[in-house]
Amino acid sequence: MLDMDKNKIRERLHDLTLEHKDLDDALILMKEKPFVDELQLKRIKKRKLKLKDEIQILESKLIPDIEA
């Protein structure tokens, strides 16, 4: 894999990780409120799961393949 590709993957990973953390913070704030919008809560959780999956895929691309 080219260094340029790895750099793009690392940048994307950084962005996704930040967004994931932001969603964590948003969920904490939402749960502190007396009335929670359950639909919005579910959407945020679903987005977090998608981000986590994408983060794992990108992280696996940065791991070098083991030659047999």
N, C-alpha and C. Protein backbone atom coordinates (compact mmCIF):
# COMPACT_ATOMS: atom_id res chain seq x y z
N MET A 1 0.86 -1.18 0.00
CA MET A 1 0.00 0.00 0.00
C MET A 1 0.90 1.23 0.00
N LEU A 2 0.53 2.20 -0.78
CA LEU A 2 1.32 3.42 -0.87
C LEU A 2 1.20 4.24 0.41
N ASP A 3 2.27 4.99 0.71
CA ASP A 3 2.25 5.85 1.88
C ASP A 3 1.13 6.88 1.79
N MET A 4 0.88 7.35 0.57
CA MET A 4 -0.19 8.34 0.36
C MET A 4 -1.55 7.74 0.74
N ASP A 5 -1.75 6.50 0.34
CA ASP A 5 -3.00 5.81 0.69
C ASP A 5 -3.12 5.65 2.20
N LYS A 6 -2.02 5.28 2.84
CA LYS A 6 -2.02 5.10 4.29
C LYS A 6 -2.31 6.42 4.99
N ASN A 7 -1.77 7.50 4.47
CA ASN A 7 -2.02 8.81 5.06
C ASN A 7 -3.49 9.19 4.94
N LYS A 8 -4.09 8.91 3.79
CA LYS A 8 -5.51 9.20 3.60
C LYS A 8 -6.36 8.36 4.55
N ILE A 9 -5.97 7.10 4.72
CA ILE A 9 -6.71 6.23 5.64
C ILE A 9 -6.59 6.75 7.06
N ARG A 10 -5.38 7.15 7.45
CA ARG A 10 -5.18 7.69 8.80
C ARG A 10 -6.00 8.96 9.03
N GLU A 11 -6.04 9.82 8.01
CA GLU A 11 -6.84 11.05 8.13
C GLU A 11 -8.31 10.71 8.28
N ARG A 12 -8.79 9.78 7.48
CA ARG A 12 -10.20 9.36 7.56
C ARG A 12 -10.49 8.74 8.92
N LEU A 13 -9.56 7.91 9.40
CA LEU A 13 -9.71 7.30 10.72
C LEU A 13 -9.82 8.36 11.80
N HIS A 14 -8.98 9.37 11.70
CA HIS A 14 -9.00 10.45 12.69
C HIS A 14 -10.36 11.15 12.68
N ASP A 15 -10.86 11.46 11.47
CA ASP A 15 -12.15 12.14 11.35
C ASP A 15 -13.29 11.29 11.92
N LEU A 16 -13.27 10.01 11.58
CA LEU A 16 -14.34 9.11 12.06
C LEU A 16 -14.28 8.95 13.58
N THR A 17 -13.07 8.86 14.11
CA THR A 17 -12.91 8.72 15.55
C THR A 17 -13.43 9.96 16.28
N LEU A 18 -13.14 11.13 15.72
CA LEU A 18 -13.65 12.37 16.31
C LEU A 18 -15.17 12.41 16.28
N GLU A 19 -15.74 12.02 15.15
CA GLU A 19 -17.20 12.02 15.04
C GLU A 19 -17.81 11.02 16.03
N HIS A 20 -17.19 9.87 16.18
CA HIS A 20 -17.67 8.86 17.12
C HIS A 20 -17.65 9.41 18.54
N LYS A 21 -16.57 10.09 18.90
CA LYS A 21 -16.45 10.71 20.23
C LYS A 21 -17.51 11.80 20.42
N ASP A 22 -17.73 12.60 19.39
CA ASP A 22 -18.75 13.64 19.46
C ASP A 22 -20.14 13.05 19.70
N LEU A 23 -20.42 11.93 19.05
CA LEU A 23 -21.71 11.27 19.24
C LEU A 23 -21.83 10.72 20.66
N ASP A 24 -20.71 10.21 21.19
CA ASP A 24 -20.70 9.77 22.59
C ASP A 24 -21.10 10.92 23.51
N ASP A 25 -20.48 12.06 23.29
CA ASP A 25 -20.76 13.25 24.11
C ASP A 25 -22.22 13.67 23.97
N ALA A 26 -22.74 13.62 22.74
CA ALA A 26 -24.13 14.00 22.50
C ALA A 26 -25.08 13.06 23.25
N LEU A 27 -24.77 11.77 23.23
CA LEU A 27 -25.61 10.80 23.94
C LEU A 27 -25.61 11.06 25.44
N ILE A 28 -24.46 11.38 25.98
CA ILE A 28 -24.38 11.69 27.42
C ILE A 28 -25.24 12.89 27.75
N LEU A 29 -25.16 13.93 26.93
CA LEU A 29 -25.96 15.13 27.18
C LEU A 29 -27.45 14.85 27.05
N MET A 30 -27.81 14.04 26.05
CA MET A 30 -29.23 13.71 25.85
C MET A 30 -29.80 12.95 27.04
N LYS A 31 -29.00 12.04 27.59
CA LYS A 31 -29.49 11.21 28.69
C LYS A 31 -29.64 12.00 29.99
N GLU A 32 -28.99 13.16 30.06
CA GLU A 32 -29.10 14.00 31.25
C GLU A 32 -30.41 14.80 31.26
N LYS A 33 -31.03 14.93 30.10
CA LYS A 33 -32.28 15.68 30.01
C LYS A 33 -33.43 14.84 30.55
N PRO A 34 -34.45 15.52 31.09
CA PRO A 34 -35.59 14.77 31.65
C PRO A 34 -36.41 14.04 30.58
N PHE A 35 -36.49 14.60 29.39
CA PHE A 35 -37.23 13.97 28.30
C PHE A 35 -36.29 13.71 27.15
N VAL A 36 -36.21 12.45 26.75
CA VAL A 36 -35.28 12.05 25.70
C VAL A 36 -36.07 11.71 24.44
N ASP A 37 -35.61 12.23 23.31
CA ASP A 37 -36.19 11.89 22.02
C ASP A 37 -35.65 10.51 21.62
N GLU A 38 -36.46 9.50 21.81
CA GLU A 38 -36.02 8.12 21.58
C GLU A 38 -35.60 7.89 20.13
N LEU A 39 -36.29 8.51 19.19
CA LEU A 39 -35.95 8.34 17.78
C LEU A 39 -34.56 8.91 17.49
N GLN A 40 -34.30 10.09 18.01
CA GLN A 40 -32.99 10.71 17.80
C GLN A 40 -31.91 9.88 18.50
N LEU A 41 -32.21 9.37 19.66
CA LEU A 41 -31.28 8.52 20.40
C LEU A 41 -30.92 7.27 19.58
N LYS A 42 -31.93 6.64 19.00
CA LYS A 42 -31.69 5.45 18.17
C LYS A 42 -30.87 5.80 16.93
N ARG A 43 -31.14 6.94 16.32
CA ARG A 43 -30.38 7.35 15.13
C ARG A 43 -28.91 7.58 15.47
N ILE A 44 -28.66 8.21 16.60
CA ILE A 44 -27.28 8.47 17.01
C ILE A 44 -26.56 7.16 17.29
N LYS A 45 -27.23 6.24 17.96
CA LYS A 45 -26.62 4.95 18.27
C LYS A 45 -26.33 4.16 16.99
N LYS A 46 -27.25 4.23 16.05
CA LYS A 46 -27.06 3.54 14.77
C LYS A 46 -25.88 4.14 14.01
N ARG A 47 -25.77 5.46 14.01
CA ARG A 47 -24.65 6.14 13.35
C ARG A 47 -23.33 5.75 14.01
N LYS A 48 -23.34 5.67 15.35
CA LYS A 48 -22.12 5.28 16.06
C LYS A 48 -21.68 3.87 15.66
N LEU A 49 -22.63 2.96 15.51
CA LEU A 49 -22.30 1.60 15.10
C LEU A 49 -21.71 1.56 13.69
N LYS A 50 -22.29 2.35 12.80
CA LYS A 50 -21.75 2.42 11.44
C LYS A 50 -20.33 2.98 11.44
N LEU A 51 -20.12 4.01 12.25
CA LEU A 51 -18.78 4.60 12.35
C LEU A 51 -17.79 3.58 12.90
N LYS A 52 -18.20 2.83 13.92
CA LYS A 52 -17.32 1.84 14.52
C LYS A 52 -16.94 0.78 13.48
N ASP A 53 -17.90 0.34 12.69
CA ASP A 53 -17.62 -0.64 11.63
C ASP A 53 -16.63 -0.09 10.62
N GLU A 54 -16.85 1.14 10.19
CA GLU A 54 -15.96 1.76 9.21
C GLU A 54 -14.56 1.96 9.80
N ILE A 55 -14.48 2.34 11.06
CA ILE A 55 -13.19 2.50 11.73
C ILE A 55 -12.44 1.16 11.75
N GLN A 56 -13.14 0.09 12.07
CA GLN A 56 -12.50 -1.23 12.13
C GLN A 56 -12.01 -1.67 10.75
N ILE A 57 -12.77 -1.39 9.72
CA ILE A 57 -12.36 -1.74 8.36
C ILE A 57 -11.10 -0.98 7.97
N LEU A 58 -11.08 0.32 8.25
CA LEU A 58 -9.91 1.12 7.90
C LEU A 58 -8.69 0.71 8.71
N GLU A 59 -8.89 0.41 9.99
CA GLU A 59 -7.77 -0.04 10.82
C GLU A 59 -7.18 -1.34 10.27
N SER A 60 -8.04 -2.22 9.81
CA SER A 60 -7.54 -3.50 9.27
C SER A 60 -6.74 -3.27 7.98
N LYS A 61 -7.06 -2.23 7.23
CA LYS A 61 -6.30 -1.93 6.01
C LYS A 61 -4.90 -1.43 6.33
N LEU A 62 -4.70 -0.89 7.50
CA LEU A 62 -3.38 -0.40 7.88
C LEU A 62 -2.47 -1.51 8.41
N ILE A 63 -3.05 -2.66 8.73
CA ILE A 63 -2.25 -3.79 9.23
C ILE A 63 -1.66 -4.50 8.02
N PRO A 64 -0.34 -4.64 8.01
CA PRO A 64 0.29 -5.32 6.86
C PRO A 64 -0.11 -6.78 6.77
N ASP A 65 -0.26 -7.25 5.54
CA ASP A 65 -0.59 -8.66 5.32
C ASP A 65 0.60 -9.53 5.67
N ILE A 66 0.33 -10.68 6.22
CA ILE A 66 1.37 -11.66 6.53
C ILE A 66 1.51 -12.59 5.34
N GLU A 67 2.73 -12.65 4.82
CA GLU A 67 2.96 -13.52 3.67
C GLU A 67 3.22 -14.94 4.15
N ALA A 68 2.58 -15.88 3.48
CA ALA A 68 2.73 -17.29 3.87
C ALA A 68 3.96 -17.89 3.25
